[in-house]
Amino acid sequence: MSRIRALNPGEAQNTIAARLGRKLAPRLFQLNTRFGVRPYLVDLVWSKWTGKERGEGDEKLIRKLPLLPTPLVDLSGITYEGSPVGRVPTGMTTMREVALTWEVDVLQGLRIPKPFEDVLPDPYDFYYEVHTDDRTGPLPQHMKFRLAKVPFLDAANVQWVLTLERMSEDAERNGQSPYA
């Protein structure tokens, strides 16, 4: 009878699930993009404000990084609420099939992957930007989201699952910040 125990440090990264998550799963997820069934593109965006606090001054892009392979994005939970300024997008979405090759600190915006900055300058901002590919027109809407929950490591399905909350300050259709 085998001894029941937790994995020792260093053992988890060599399990079958971890190896599948690093090697095979990203290639399988990418097939969905090649087949044309992933219309939503996702970017991780880090920006810095020129003022002393977040939202003060002009927004300057630090890094925009495509989330690849393209994840499965379900926007059916996003609705519009009426407000004194018009319709405001609200709600949450779940993003699945995010490759395990992404580090949790990067997915949370706590670190920018090399060769760029490792330490984030204050006052910085981090968000996810979702837009359709060119099948819906030449200049799609760029929707902003922030993490609503801690990234979930779904080890059994070799993926990260992210829950995102809709933000209302979208980028311009050309991808530029409306505050720049």
C-alpha atoms as a PDB file:
ATOM      1  CA  MET A   1       0.000   0.000   0.000  1.00  0.00           C
ATOM      2  CA  SER A   2       1.384   3.387  -0.966  1.00  0.00           C
ATOM      3  CA  ARG A   3       1.999   6.081   1.565  1.00  0.00           C
ATOM      4  CA  ILE A   4      -0.523   8.934   1.390  1.00  0.00           C
ATOM      5  CA  ARG A   5       1.234  12.285   1.312  1.00  0.00           C
ATOM      6  CA  ALA A   6       1.285  15.675  -0.309  1.00  0.00           C
ATOM      7  CA  LEU A   7       3.675  16.272  -3.177  1.00  0.00           C
ATOM      8  CA  ASN A   8       7.114  17.451  -2.128  1.00  0.00           C
ATOM      9  CA  PRO A   9       8.427  20.797  -3.408  1.00  0.00           C
ATOM     10  CA  GLY A  10       9.360  20.435  -7.071  1.00  0.00           C
ATOM     11  CA  GLU A  11       7.218  17.315  -7.660  1.00  0.00           C
ATOM     12  CA  ALA A  12       4.060  19.144  -8.773  1.00  0.00           C
ATOM     13  CA  GLN A  13       5.724  20.670 -11.835  1.00  0.00           C
ATOM     14  CA  ASN A  14       6.674  17.180 -13.052  1.00  0.00           C
ATOM     15  CA  THR A  15       3.224  15.573 -12.792  1.00  0.00           C
ATOM     16  CA  ILE A  16       1.452  14.414 -15.938  1.00  0.00           C
ATOM     17  CA  ALA A  17      -1.160  17.192 -15.603  1.00  0.00           C
ATOM     18  CA  ALA A  18       1.518  19.890 -15.272  1.00  0.00           C
ATOM     19  CA  ARG A  19       3.452  18.602 -18.285  1.00  0.00           C
ATOM     20  CA  LEU A  20       0.252  18.409 -20.377  1.00  0.00           C
ATOM     21  CA  GLY A  21      -0.618  21.946 -19.277  1.00  0.00           C
ATOM     22  CA  ARG A  22       2.759  23.301 -20.400  1.00  0.00           C
ATOM     23  CA  LYS A  23       3.185  21.353 -23.654  1.00  0.00           C
ATOM     24  CA  LEU A  24       0.077  19.786 -25.187  1.00  0.00           C
ATOM     25  CA  ALA A  25      -2.867  21.883 -23.930  1.00  0.00           C
ATOM     26  CA  PRO A  26      -1.647  25.219 -25.384  1.00  0.00           C
ATOM     27  CA  ARG A  27      -1.278  23.597 -28.809  1.00  0.00           C
ATOM     28  CA  LEU A  28      -4.780  22.106 -28.556  1.00  0.00           C
ATOM     29  CA  PHE A  29      -6.238  25.456 -27.441  1.00  0.00           C
ATOM     30  CA  GLN A  30      -4.542  27.121 -30.434  1.00  0.00           C
ATOM     31  CA  LEU A  31      -6.368  24.755 -32.809  1.00  0.00           C
ATOM     32  CA  ASN A  32      -9.620  26.508 -31.858  1.00  0.00           C
ATOM     33  CA  THR A  33      -8.112  29.790 -33.063  1.00  0.00           C
ATOM     34  CA  ARG A  34      -6.964  28.238 -36.338  1.00  0.00           C
ATOM     35  CA  PHE A  35     -10.446  26.742 -36.875  1.00  0.00           C
ATOM     36  CA  GLY A  36     -11.930  30.233 -36.420  1.00  0.00           C
ATOM     37  CA  VAL A  37     -13.986  29.520 -33.286  1.00  0.00           C
ATOM     38  CA  ARG A  38     -12.210  32.071 -31.061  1.00  0.00           C
ATOM     39  CA  PRO A  39     -13.542  35.474 -32.245  1.00  0.00           C
ATOM     40  CA  TYR A  40     -12.541  37.369 -29.078  1.00  0.00           C
ATOM     41  CA  LEU A  41      -8.940  38.515 -28.752  1.00  0.00           C
ATOM     42  CA  VAL A  42      -7.617  39.377 -25.299  1.00  0.00           C
ATOM     43  CA  ASP A  43      -4.749  41.654 -24.305  1.00  0.00           C
ATOM     44  CA  LEU A  44      -3.188  42.154 -20.892  1.00  0.00           C
ATOM     45  CA  VAL A  45      -2.591  45.891 -20.509  1.00  0.00           C
ATOM     46  CA  TRP A  46      -0.317  47.749 -18.091  1.00  0.00           C
ATOM     47  CA  SER A  47      -0.438  51.529 -18.093  1.00  0.00           C
ATOM     48  CA  LYS A  48       0.867  54.374 -15.956  1.00  0.00           C
ATOM     49  CA  TRP A  49      -0.727  57.697 -15.115  1.00  0.00           C
ATOM     50  CA  THR A  50       1.290  60.901 -15.306  1.00  0.00           C
ATOM     51  CA  GLY A  51      -0.366  62.306 -12.163  1.00  0.00           C
ATOM     52  CA  LYS A  52       0.330  61.386  -8.553  1.00  0.00           C
ATOM     53  CA  GLU A  53      -2.619  58.968  -8.348  1.00  0.00           C
ATOM     54  CA  ARG A  54      -4.251  56.408 -10.614  1.00  0.00           C
ATOM     55  CA  GLY A  55      -6.649  58.155 -12.996  1.00  0.00           C
ATOM     56  CA  GLU A  56      -4.924  61.520 -12.594  1.00  0.00           C
ATOM     57  CA  GLY A  57      -3.240  63.093 -15.621  1.00  0.00           C
ATOM     58  CA  ASP A  58      -2.683  61.237 -18.895  1.00  0.00           C
ATOM     59  CA  GLU A  59      -2.614  57.466 -19.264  1.00  0.00           C
ATOM     60  CA  LYS A  60       0.609  56.145 -20.842  1.00  0.00           C
ATOM     61  CA  LEU A  61       0.806  52.591 -22.145  1.00  0.00           C
ATOM     62  CA  ILE A  62       3.608  50.551 -20.541  1.00  0.00           C
ATOM     63  CA  ARG A  63       2.897  47.168 -22.134  1.00  0.00           C
ATOM     64  CA  LYS A  64       0.135  45.476 -24.099  1.00  0.00           C
ATOM     65  CA  LEU A  65       0.564  41.723 -24.329  1.00  0.00           C
ATOM     66  CA  PRO A  66      -1.739  39.365 -26.268  1.00  0.00           C
ATOM     67  CA  LEU A  67      -3.079  36.477 -24.176  1.00  0.00           C
ATOM     68  CA  LEU A  68      -2.118  33.487 -26.328  1.00  0.00           C
ATOM     69  CA  PRO A  69      -3.263  30.952 -27.197  1.00  0.00           C
ATOM     70  CA  THR A  70      -6.572  32.760 -27.593  1.00  0.00           C
ATOM     71  CA  PRO A  71      -8.822  31.844 -24.636  1.00  0.00           C
ATOM     72  CA  LEU A  72     -12.516  30.987 -24.727  1.00  0.00           C
ATOM     73  CA  VAL A  73     -14.420  34.166 -23.786  1.00  0.00           C
ATOM     74  CA  ASP A  74     -18.140  34.149 -22.965  1.00  0.00           C
ATOM     75  CA  LEU A  75     -19.628  37.666 -22.916  1.00  0.00           C
ATOM     76  CA  SER A  76     -23.224  36.517 -22.302  1.00  0.00           C
ATOM     77  CA  GLY A  77     -23.080  37.827 -18.704  1.00  0.00           C
ATOM     78  CA  ILE A  78     -22.481  41.427 -19.813  1.00  0.00           C
ATOM     79  CA  THR A  79     -25.544  43.679 -19.767  1.00  0.00           C
ATOM     80  CA  TYR A  80     -26.305  47.381 -20.068  1.00  0.00           C
ATOM     81  CA  GLU A  81     -27.735  49.395 -17.198  1.00  0.00           C
ATOM     82  CA  GLY A  82     -29.385  52.753 -17.621  1.00  0.00           C
ATOM     83  CA  SER A  83     -27.693  55.674 -15.894  1.00  0.00           C
ATOM     84  CA  PRO A  84     -27.906  59.486 -16.041  1.00  0.00           C
ATOM     85  CA  VAL A  85     -25.097  59.431 -18.644  1.00  0.00           C
ATOM     86  CA  GLY A  86     -26.675  56.731 -20.817  1.00  0.00           C
ATOM     87  CA  ARG A  87     -26.164  52.988 -21.059  1.00  0.00           C
ATOM     88  CA  VAL A  88     -23.323  51.626 -18.941  1.00  0.00           C
ATOM     89  CA  PRO A  89     -21.928  48.112 -19.526  1.00  0.00           C
ATOM     90  CA  THR A  90     -21.865  45.958 -16.408  1.00  0.00           C
ATOM     91  CA  GLY A  91     -21.530  42.316 -15.416  1.00  0.00           C
ATOM     92  CA  MET A  92     -18.984  39.538 -15.309  1.00  0.00           C
ATOM     93  CA  THR A  93     -17.523  37.112 -17.774  1.00  0.00           C
ATOM     94  CA  THR A  94     -15.577  33.892 -17.478  1.00  0.00           C
ATOM     95  CA  MET A  95     -12.498  33.245 -19.555  1.00  0.00           C
ATOM     96  CA  ARG A  96     -11.513  29.582 -19.943  1.00  0.00           C
ATOM     97  CA  GLU A  97      -8.710  27.695 -21.631  1.00  0.00           C
ATOM     98  CA  VAL A  98      -6.070  30.162 -20.494  1.00  0.00           C
ATOM     99  CA  ALA A  99      -2.819  28.239 -20.894  1.00  0.00           C
ATOM    100  CA  LEU A 100      -0.929  27.128 -17.799  1.00  0.00           C
ATOM    101  CA  THR A 101       2.202  28.610 -19.355  1.00  0.00           C
ATOM    102  CA  TRP A 102       1.024  31.952 -17.901  1.00  0.00           C
ATOM    103  CA  GLU A 103       2.273  32.740 -14.398  1.00  0.00           C
ATOM    104  CA  VAL A 104      -0.367  33.757 -11.859  1.00  0.00           C
ATOM    105  CA  ASP A 105       1.481  37.011 -11.014  1.00  0.00           C
ATOM    106  CA  VAL A 106       1.305  38.055 -14.676  1.00  0.00           C
ATOM    107  CA  LEU A 107      -2.400  37.144 -14.920  1.00  0.00           C
ATOM    108  CA  GLN A 108      -3.040  39.323 -11.854  1.00  0.00           C
ATOM    109  CA  GLY A 109      -1.025  42.210 -13.311  1.00  0.00           C
ATOM    110  CA  LEU A 110       1.499  42.104 -10.471  1.00  0.00           C
ATOM    111  CA  ARG A 111       4.433  41.544 -12.793  1.00  0.00           C
ATOM    112  CA  ILE A 112       5.227  42.381 -16.395  1.00  0.00           C
ATOM    113  CA  PRO A 113       7.038  39.568 -18.225  1.00  0.00           C
ATOM    114  CA  LYS A 114      10.638  40.176 -19.310  1.00  0.00           C
ATOM    115  CA  PRO A 115      12.299  41.675 -21.311  1.00  0.00           C
ATOM    116  CA  PHE A 116      10.225  44.608 -20.020  1.00  0.00           C
ATOM    117  CA  GLU A 117       9.822  45.906 -16.481  1.00  0.00           C
ATOM    118  CA  ASP A 118       9.641  43.442 -13.632  1.00  0.00           C
ATOM    119  CA  VAL A 119       8.679  45.981 -10.994  1.00  0.00           C
ATOM    120  CA  LEU A 120       5.540  47.970 -11.646  1.00  0.00           C
ATOM    121  CA  PRO A 121       5.818  51.743 -11.337  1.00  0.00           C
ATOM    122  CA  ASP A 122       3.245  53.637  -9.266  1.00  0.00           C
ATOM    123  CA  PRO A 123       0.635  54.791 -10.071  1.00  0.00           C
ATOM    124  CA  TYR A 124       0.111  51.915 -12.512  1.00  0.00           C
ATOM    125  CA  ASP A 125      -3.052  50.317 -13.830  1.00  0.00           C
ATOM    126  CA  PHE A 126      -3.696  46.786 -15.089  1.00  0.00           C
ATOM    127  CA  TYR A 127      -6.680  45.484 -17.003  1.00  0.00           C
ATOM    128  CA  TYR A 128      -7.788  43.035 -19.669  1.00  0.00           C
ATOM    129  CA  GLU A 129      -8.917  44.355 -23.038  1.00  0.00           C
ATOM    130  CA  VAL A 130     -11.256  42.183 -25.118  1.00  0.00           C
ATOM    131  CA  HIS A 131     -12.144  42.846 -28.745  1.00  0.00           C
ATOM    132  CA  THR A 132     -13.335  40.838 -31.707  1.00  0.00           C
ATOM    133  CA  ASP A 133     -11.137  39.875 -34.602  1.00  0.00           C
ATOM    134  CA  ASP A 134     -11.676  41.449 -38.036  1.00  0.00           C
ATOM    135  CA  ARG A 135     -14.779  39.395 -38.869  1.00  0.00           C
ATOM    136  CA  THR A 136     -17.053  42.023 -37.230  1.00  0.00           C
ATOM    137  CA  GLY A 137     -15.554  45.067 -38.944  1.00  0.00           C
ATOM    138  CA  PRO A 138     -12.271  46.954 -39.271  1.00  0.00           C
ATOM    139  CA  LEU A 139     -12.409  48.811 -35.910  1.00  0.00           C
ATOM    140  CA  PRO A 140     -14.020  46.665 -33.200  1.00  0.00           C
ATOM    141  CA  GLN A 141     -14.978  47.926 -29.752  1.00  0.00           C
ATOM    142  CA  HIS A 142     -12.202  47.440 -27.165  1.00  0.00           C
ATOM    143  CA  MET A 143     -13.890  46.424 -23.892  1.00  0.00           C
ATOM    144  CA  LYS A 144     -12.053  46.814 -20.586  1.00  0.00           C
ATOM    145  CA  PHE A 145     -12.243  44.272 -17.771  1.00  0.00           C
ATOM    146  CA  ARG A 146     -10.572  43.794 -14.397  1.00  0.00           C
ATOM    147  CA  LEU A 147     -10.108  40.603 -12.420  1.00  0.00           C
ATOM    148  CA  ALA A 148     -13.137  39.970 -10.206  1.00  0.00           C
ATOM    149  CA  LYS A 149     -11.770  36.825  -8.550  1.00  0.00           C
ATOM    150  CA  VAL A 150      -8.401  35.198  -7.977  1.00  0.00           C
ATOM    151  CA  PRO A 151      -7.347  33.166 -11.059  1.00  0.00           C
ATOM    152  CA  PHE A 152      -8.517  29.565 -10.618  1.00  0.00           C
ATOM    153  CA  LEU A 153      -6.007  26.855 -11.467  1.00  0.00           C
ATOM    154  CA  ASP A 154      -8.205  24.123 -12.938  1.00  0.00           C
ATOM    155  CA  ALA A 155      -5.522  21.429 -12.869  1.00  0.00           C
ATOM    156  CA  ALA A 156      -7.885  18.634 -13.932  1.00  0.00           C
ATOM    157  CA  ASN A 157      -8.635  20.488 -17.182  1.00  0.00           C
ATOM    158  CA  VAL A 158      -5.102  21.927 -17.543  1.00  0.00           C
ATOM    159  CA  GLN A 159      -6.227  25.546 -17.689  1.00  0.00           C
ATOM    160  CA  TRP A 160      -6.570  28.802 -15.814  1.00  0.00           C
ATOM    161  CA  VAL A 161     -10.144  30.053 -15.394  1.00  0.00           C
ATOM    162  CA  LEU A 162     -10.480  33.822 -14.991  1.00  0.00           C
ATOM    163  CA  THR A 163     -13.545  35.721 -13.828  1.00  0.00           C
ATOM    164  CA  LEU A 164     -13.541  39.274 -15.129  1.00  0.00           C
ATOM    165  CA  GLU A 165     -15.698  42.269 -14.261  1.00  0.00           C
ATOM    166  CA  ARG A 166     -16.699  44.792 -16.920  1.00  0.00           C
ATOM    167  CA  MET A 167     -15.273  48.300 -16.636  1.00  0.00           C
ATOM    168  CA  SER A 168     -16.911  51.257 -18.355  1.00  0.00           C
ATOM    169  CA  GLU A 169     -13.858  53.261 -19.514  1.00  0.00           C
ATOM    170  CA  ASP A 170     -13.240  51.491 -22.823  1.00  0.00           C
ATOM    171  CA  ALA A 171     -10.359  52.260 -25.144  1.00  0.00           C
ATOM    172  CA  GLU A 172     -11.103  53.981 -28.437  1.00  0.00           C
ATOM    173  CA  ARG A 173     -11.935  51.721 -31.376  1.00  0.00           C
ATOM    174  CA  ASN A 174      -8.367  52.159 -32.641  1.00  0.00           C
ATOM    175  CA  GLY A 175      -7.108  50.733 -29.324  1.00  0.00           C
ATOM    176  CA  GLN A 176      -5.822  54.051 -27.919  1.00  0.00           C
ATOM    177  CA  SER A 177      -6.613  55.237 -24.397  1.00  0.00           C
ATOM    178  CA  PRO A 178      -9.424  57.812 -24.249  1.00  0.00           C
ATOM    179  CA  TYR A 179      -7.306  59.640 -21.630  1.00  0.00           C
ATOM    180  CA  ALA A 180      -4.107  60.001 -23.667  1.00  0.00           C
END
